[in-house]
Amino acid sequence: MRDKFTDRTAKIIDLLQEKVRLEPFHRRLFYIVFGVLWGSGTLWLLIEWFKDPELGTARTLLQTFSMKVHGATMLVYLAMLGTLITHIRRGTALKTNRLSGFSVIALNGILVLSGWLLYYVSNDALRQWSSTIHWAIGLGTLPLLCGHVFLGRGWVTRRLDGDEDAFGTRNGISELHGRGKEHRRNHV
């Protein structure tokens, strides 16, 4: 009788051997770029909320500077998002953190669209609407990203401790890992 060991199981074992977590340099660079992006947007928003009402729609020098930093960092951040394809593929195949991960992806898509509208649309009503959406979602990305990271670390810890495997059974990693090596030896 076969142990229900399929090619999908072998692929999952191969993915478990790879790290879903980003490499240290990649992770640190991503956090720095995200921090500068989030910080520059938050700085602009705080200045907007607390500036002298007599200024009206005029921008302060610090707002102008923070917007330039925000725009330049956004370009780097979008490139960094593109480098996460392998991370997304591994996490999706292992069925880990999919809700928080896809939520982060969806919110980034909305931020890109609303940022594009802010930059290119001249209709005041549409700009006001997209501005509100942009800053509300932008502020929410920090806790969501932190939640995604902490959920991922918890998942990795559970797997390394052998509490559950990718299929929800107890102490399955070492068992599956051993069978995966045996499967590859016998079927390659």
C-alpha atoms as a PDB file:
ATOM      1  CA  MET A   1       0.000   0.000   0.000  1.00  0.00           C
ATOM      2  CA  ARG A   2       1.326   3.377  -0.965  1.00  0.00           C
ATOM      3  CA  ASP A   3       1.562   6.126   1.699  1.00  0.00           C
ATOM      4  CA  LYS A   4      -0.479   8.609  -0.343  1.00  0.00           C
ATOM      5  CA  PHE A   5       2.832  10.198  -1.225  1.00  0.00           C
ATOM      6  CA  THR A   6       2.163  12.183  -4.382  1.00  0.00           C
ATOM      7  CA  ASP A   7       4.191  14.445  -6.596  1.00  0.00           C
ATOM      8  CA  ARG A   8       2.442  17.396  -4.935  1.00  0.00           C
ATOM      9  CA  THR A   9       3.708  16.181  -1.571  1.00  0.00           C
ATOM     10  CA  ALA A  10       7.234  15.938  -2.964  1.00  0.00           C
ATOM     11  CA  LYS A  11       6.951  19.517  -4.271  1.00  0.00           C
ATOM     12  CA  ILE A  12       5.751  20.716  -0.876  1.00  0.00           C
ATOM     13  CA  ILE A  13       8.681  18.991   0.805  1.00  0.00           C
ATOM     14  CA  ASP A  14      11.063  20.651  -1.647  1.00  0.00           C
ATOM     15  CA  LEU A  15       9.463  24.002  -0.863  1.00  0.00           C
ATOM     16  CA  LEU A  16       9.762  23.340   2.872  1.00  0.00           C
ATOM     17  CA  GLN A  17      13.481  22.839   2.366  1.00  0.00           C
ATOM     18  CA  GLU A  18      13.635  26.277   0.772  1.00  0.00           C
ATOM     19  CA  LYS A  19      12.975  29.223   2.983  1.00  0.00           C
ATOM     20  CA  VAL A  20       9.705  31.082   2.598  1.00  0.00           C
ATOM     21  CA  ARG A  21      11.220  33.828   4.714  1.00  0.00           C
ATOM     22  CA  LEU A  22      13.187  36.406   2.756  1.00  0.00           C
ATOM     23  CA  GLU A  23      16.960  36.392   2.918  1.00  0.00           C
ATOM     24  CA  PRO A  24      18.327  38.768   5.600  1.00  0.00           C
ATOM     25  CA  PHE A  25      19.639  41.414   3.168  1.00  0.00           C
ATOM     26  CA  HIS A  26      16.456  41.316   1.090  1.00  0.00           C
ATOM     27  CA  ARG A  27      14.286  41.495   4.202  1.00  0.00           C
ATOM     28  CA  ARG A  28      16.211  44.423   5.710  1.00  0.00           C
ATOM     29  CA  LEU A  29      16.220  46.351   2.442  1.00  0.00           C
ATOM     30  CA  PHE A  30      12.478  45.779   2.053  1.00  0.00           C
ATOM     31  CA  TYR A  31      11.812  46.971   5.618  1.00  0.00           C
ATOM     32  CA  ILE A  32      13.982  50.066   5.142  1.00  0.00           C
ATOM     33  CA  VAL A  33      12.313  51.002   1.844  1.00  0.00           C
ATOM     34  CA  PHE A  34       8.850  50.365   3.290  1.00  0.00           C
ATOM     35  CA  GLY A  35       9.730  52.388   6.406  1.00  0.00           C
ATOM     36  CA  VAL A  36      10.900  55.386   4.388  1.00  0.00           C
ATOM     37  CA  LEU A  37       7.823  55.162   2.149  1.00  0.00           C
ATOM     38  CA  TRP A  38       5.402  54.856   5.057  1.00  0.00           C
ATOM     39  CA  GLY A  39       7.235  57.492   7.104  1.00  0.00           C
ATOM     40  CA  SER A  40       7.340  60.074   4.319  1.00  0.00           C
ATOM     41  CA  GLY A  41       3.636  59.596   3.603  1.00  0.00           C
ATOM     42  CA  THR A  42       2.766  59.822   7.288  1.00  0.00           C
ATOM     43  CA  LEU A  43       4.904  62.945   7.677  1.00  0.00           C
ATOM     44  CA  TRP A  44       3.079  64.616   4.795  1.00  0.00           C
ATOM     45  CA  LEU A  45      -0.274  63.668   6.310  1.00  0.00           C
ATOM     46  CA  LEU A  46       0.622  64.948   9.786  1.00  0.00           C
ATOM     47  CA  ILE A  47       1.806  68.261   8.368  1.00  0.00           C
ATOM     48  CA  GLU A  48      -1.392  68.510   6.318  1.00  0.00           C
ATOM     49  CA  TRP A  49      -3.538  67.926   9.391  1.00  0.00           C
ATOM     50  CA  PHE A  50      -1.659  70.369  11.639  1.00  0.00           C
ATOM     51  CA  LYS A  51      -0.608  73.151   9.275  1.00  0.00           C
ATOM     52  CA  ASP A  52      -1.945  76.679   9.590  1.00  0.00           C
ATOM     53  CA  PRO A  53      -5.489  76.784   8.149  1.00  0.00           C
ATOM     54  CA  GLU A  54      -4.704  80.120   6.519  1.00  0.00           C
ATOM     55  CA  LEU A  55      -2.367  78.318   4.108  1.00  0.00           C
ATOM     56  CA  GLY A  56      -5.337  76.538   2.513  1.00  0.00           C
ATOM     57  CA  THR A  57      -4.180  74.172  -0.224  1.00  0.00           C
ATOM     58  CA  ALA A  58      -0.647  75.613  -0.318  1.00  0.00           C
ATOM     59  CA  ARG A  59       2.065  73.113   0.588  1.00  0.00           C
ATOM     60  CA  THR A  60       4.829  73.721   3.091  1.00  0.00           C
ATOM     61  CA  LEU A  61       8.479  73.096   2.214  1.00  0.00           C
ATOM     62  CA  LEU A  62       8.539  70.006   4.417  1.00  0.00           C
ATOM     63  CA  GLN A  63       5.436  68.654   2.688  1.00  0.00           C
ATOM     64  CA  THR A  64       7.042  69.205  -0.693  1.00  0.00           C
ATOM     65  CA  PHE A  65      10.221  67.453   0.441  1.00  0.00           C
ATOM     66  CA  SER A  66       8.315  64.524   1.981  1.00  0.00           C
ATOM     67  CA  MET A  67       6.288  64.107  -1.223  1.00  0.00           C
ATOM     68  CA  LYS A  68       9.477  64.009  -3.318  1.00  0.00           C
ATOM     69  CA  VAL A  69      10.957  61.378  -0.987  1.00  0.00           C
ATOM     70  CA  HIS A  70       7.661  59.466  -1.054  1.00  0.00           C
ATOM     71  CA  GLY A  71       7.552  59.444  -4.866  1.00  0.00           C
ATOM     72  CA  ALA A  72      11.183  58.391  -5.283  1.00  0.00           C
ATOM     73  CA  THR A  73      10.890  55.686  -2.627  1.00  0.00           C
ATOM     74  CA  MET A  74       7.679  54.439  -4.234  1.00  0.00           C
ATOM     75  CA  LEU A  75       9.626  53.571  -7.385  1.00  0.00           C
ATOM     76  CA  VAL A  76      12.105  51.492  -5.383  1.00  0.00           C
ATOM     77  CA  TYR A  77       9.267  49.906  -3.385  1.00  0.00           C
ATOM     78  CA  LEU A  78       7.440  48.830  -6.544  1.00  0.00           C
ATOM     79  CA  ALA A  79      10.644  47.192  -7.781  1.00  0.00           C
ATOM     80  CA  MET A  80      11.016  45.482  -4.388  1.00  0.00           C
ATOM     81  CA  LEU A  81       7.441  44.158  -4.654  1.00  0.00           C
ATOM     82  CA  GLY A  82       8.431  42.546  -7.939  1.00  0.00           C
ATOM     83  CA  THR A  83      11.234  40.672  -6.211  1.00  0.00           C
ATOM     84  CA  LEU A  84       8.723  38.951  -3.914  1.00  0.00           C
ATOM     85  CA  ILE A  85       7.356  36.622  -6.613  1.00  0.00           C
ATOM     86  CA  THR A  86       9.312  33.623  -5.289  1.00  0.00           C
ATOM     87  CA  HIS A  87       8.225  34.401  -1.732  1.00  0.00           C
ATOM     88  CA  ILE A  88       4.587  34.554  -2.862  1.00  0.00           C
ATOM     89  CA  ARG A  89       4.904  31.342  -4.891  1.00  0.00           C
ATOM     90  CA  ARG A  90       6.381  29.416  -1.953  1.00  0.00           C
ATOM     91  CA  GLY A  91       3.852  30.734   0.534  1.00  0.00           C
ATOM     92  CA  THR A  92       0.943  29.978  -1.791  1.00  0.00           C
ATOM     93  CA  ALA A  93       2.138  26.438  -2.468  1.00  0.00           C
ATOM     94  CA  LEU A  94       2.539  25.800   1.252  1.00  0.00           C
ATOM     95  CA  LYS A  95      -0.842  27.440   1.944  1.00  0.00           C
ATOM     96  CA  THR A  96       0.672  29.717   4.576  1.00  0.00           C
ATOM     97  CA  ASN A  97      -0.331  33.278   5.434  1.00  0.00           C
ATOM     98  CA  ARG A  98      -2.384  33.522   2.275  1.00  0.00           C
ATOM     99  CA  LEU A  99      -5.076  35.790   3.704  1.00  0.00           C
ATOM    100  CA  SER A 100      -2.651  38.342   5.119  1.00  0.00           C
ATOM    101  CA  GLY A 101      -0.285  38.019   2.145  1.00  0.00           C
ATOM    102  CA  PHE A 102      -2.945  38.526  -0.494  1.00  0.00           C
ATOM    103  CA  SER A 103      -4.433  41.350   1.594  1.00  0.00           C
ATOM    104  CA  VAL A 104      -1.050  43.105   1.512  1.00  0.00           C
ATOM    105  CA  ILE A 105      -0.871  42.574  -2.256  1.00  0.00           C
ATOM    106  CA  ALA A 106      -4.430  43.868  -2.800  1.00  0.00           C
ATOM    107  CA  LEU A 107      -3.868  46.954  -0.656  1.00  0.00           C
ATOM    108  CA  ASN A 108      -0.639  47.709  -2.500  1.00  0.00           C
ATOM    109  CA  GLY A 109      -2.598  47.517  -5.758  1.00  0.00           C
ATOM    110  CA  ILE A 110      -5.156  50.003  -4.411  1.00  0.00           C
ATOM    111  CA  LEU A 111      -2.333  52.278  -3.226  1.00  0.00           C
ATOM    112  CA  VAL A 112      -0.745  52.207  -6.676  1.00  0.00           C
ATOM    113  CA  LEU A 113      -4.059  53.073  -8.331  1.00  0.00           C
ATOM    114  CA  SER A 114      -4.935  55.846  -5.874  1.00  0.00           C
ATOM    115  CA  GLY A 115      -1.381  57.248  -6.070  1.00  0.00           C
ATOM    116  CA  TRP A 116      -1.619  57.275  -9.852  1.00  0.00           C
ATOM    117  CA  LEU A 117      -4.940  59.142  -9.606  1.00  0.00           C
ATOM    118  CA  LEU A 118      -3.393  61.684  -7.229  1.00  0.00           C
ATOM    119  CA  TYR A 119      -0.546  62.317  -9.633  1.00  0.00           C
ATOM    120  CA  TYR A 120      -2.424  62.452 -12.927  1.00  0.00           C
ATOM    121  CA  VAL A 121      -6.038  63.475 -12.283  1.00  0.00           C
ATOM    122  CA  SER A 122      -6.920  67.173 -12.113  1.00  0.00           C
ATOM    123  CA  ASN A 123     -10.578  66.813 -11.039  1.00  0.00           C
ATOM    124  CA  ASP A 124     -10.681  68.147  -7.449  1.00  0.00           C
ATOM    125  CA  ALA A 125     -13.468  65.832  -6.262  1.00  0.00           C
ATOM    126  CA  LEU A 126     -11.708  62.734  -7.620  1.00  0.00           C
ATOM    127  CA  ARG A 127      -8.374  63.879  -6.172  1.00  0.00           C
ATOM    128  CA  GLN A 128      -9.955  64.397  -2.739  1.00  0.00           C
ATOM    129  CA  TRP A 129     -11.565  60.961  -2.851  1.00  0.00           C
ATOM    130  CA  SER A 130      -8.365  59.234  -3.997  1.00  0.00           C
ATOM    131  CA  SER A 131      -6.326  61.167  -1.403  1.00  0.00           C
ATOM    132  CA  THR A 132      -8.544  59.947   1.426  1.00  0.00           C
ATOM    133  CA  ILE A 133      -8.428  56.363   0.155  1.00  0.00           C
ATOM    134  CA  HIS A 134      -4.655  56.575  -0.317  1.00  0.00           C
ATOM    135  CA  TRP A 135      -3.788  57.846   3.137  1.00  0.00           C
ATOM    136  CA  ALA A 136      -6.334  55.642   4.948  1.00  0.00           C
ATOM    137  CA  ILE A 137      -5.055  52.470   3.299  1.00  0.00           C
ATOM    138  CA  GLY A 138      -1.464  53.678   3.480  1.00  0.00           C
ATOM    139  CA  LEU A 139      -1.677  54.086   7.241  1.00  0.00           C
ATOM    140  CA  GLY A 140      -3.231  50.614   7.509  1.00  0.00           C
ATOM    141  CA  THR A 141      -0.458  48.873   5.602  1.00  0.00           C
ATOM    142  CA  LEU A 142       2.014  49.078   8.491  1.00  0.00           C
ATOM    143  CA  PRO A 143      -0.059  47.023  10.948  1.00  0.00           C
ATOM    144  CA  LEU A 144      -1.099  44.640   8.173  1.00  0.00           C
ATOM    145  CA  LEU A 145       2.489  44.062   7.037  1.00  0.00           C
ATOM    146  CA  CYS A 146       3.629  43.611  10.648  1.00  0.00           C
ATOM    147  CA  GLY A 147       0.807  41.121  11.186  1.00  0.00           C
ATOM    148  CA  HIS A 148       1.826  39.216   8.055  1.00  0.00           C
ATOM    149  CA  VAL A 149       5.441  39.037   9.220  1.00  0.00           C
ATOM    150  CA  PHE A 150       4.549  37.918  12.743  1.00  0.00           C
ATOM    151  CA  LEU A 151       2.063  35.326  11.486  1.00  0.00           C
ATOM    152  CA  GLY A 152       4.755  34.005   9.165  1.00  0.00           C
ATOM    153  CA  ARG A 153       7.292  33.766  11.950  1.00  0.00           C
ATOM    154  CA  GLY A 154       4.758  31.869  14.053  1.00  0.00           C
ATOM    155  CA  TRP A 155       4.075  29.473  11.200  1.00  0.00           C
ATOM    156  CA  VAL A 156       7.789  28.800  10.710  1.00  0.00           C
ATOM    157  CA  THR A 157       8.287  28.262  14.447  1.00  0.00           C
ATOM    158  CA  ARG A 158       5.422  25.757  14.580  1.00  0.00           C
ATOM    159  CA  ARG A 159       6.829  23.886  11.594  1.00  0.00           C
ATOM    160  CA  LEU A 160      10.375  23.813  12.947  1.00  0.00           C
ATOM    161  CA  ASP A 161       9.124  22.581  16.326  1.00  0.00           C
ATOM    162  CA  GLY A 162       7.309  19.821  14.475  1.00  0.00           C
ATOM    163  CA  ASP A 163       3.883  20.676  15.892  1.00  0.00           C
ATOM    164  CA  GLU A 164       2.165  20.474  12.527  1.00  0.00           C
ATOM    165  CA  ASP A 165       3.140  19.805   8.952  1.00  0.00           C
ATOM    166  CA  ALA A 166       1.695  21.337   5.811  1.00  0.00           C
ATOM    167  CA  PHE A 167      -1.244  18.910   6.063  1.00  0.00           C
ATOM    168  CA  GLY A 168      -2.128  19.614   9.718  1.00  0.00           C
ATOM    169  CA  THR A 169      -0.874  16.351  11.244  1.00  0.00           C
ATOM    170  CA  ARG A 170       1.407  16.161  14.265  1.00  0.00           C
ATOM    171  CA  ASN A 171       5.188  15.876  13.954  1.00  0.00           C
ATOM    172  CA  GLY A 172       4.923  15.617  10.210  1.00  0.00           C
ATOM    173  CA  ILE A 173       7.886  17.629   8.991  1.00  0.00           C
ATOM    174  CA  SER A 174      10.586  15.207   9.939  1.00  0.00           C
ATOM    175  CA  GLU A 175       8.438  12.299   8.792  1.00  0.00           C
ATOM    176  CA  LEU A 176       7.608  13.933   5.447  1.00  0.00           C
ATOM    177  CA  HIS A 177      11.163  15.154   5.038  1.00  0.00           C
ATOM    178  CA  GLY A 178      12.500  11.627   5.372  1.00  0.00           C
ATOM    179  CA  ARG A 179       9.891  10.192   3.012  1.00  0.00           C
ATOM    180  CA  GLY A 180      10.612  12.983   0.525  1.00  0.00           C
ATOM    181  CA  LYS A 181      14.278  12.022   0.341  1.00  0.00           C
ATOM    182  CA  GLU A 182      13.294   8.376  -0.030  1.00  0.00           C
ATOM    183  CA  HIS A 183      10.762   9.270  -2.756  1.00  0.00           C
ATOM    184  CA  ARG A 184      13.343  11.248  -4.721  1.00  0.00           C
ATOM    185  CA  ARG A 185      15.893   8.426  -4.427  1.00  0.00           C
ATOM    186  CA  ASN A 186      13.399   5.866  -5.688  1.00  0.00           C
ATOM    187  CA  HIS A 187      11.742   7.939  -8.408  1.00  0.00           C
ATOM    188  CA  VAL A 188      14.493  10.086  -9.893  1.00  0.00           C
END
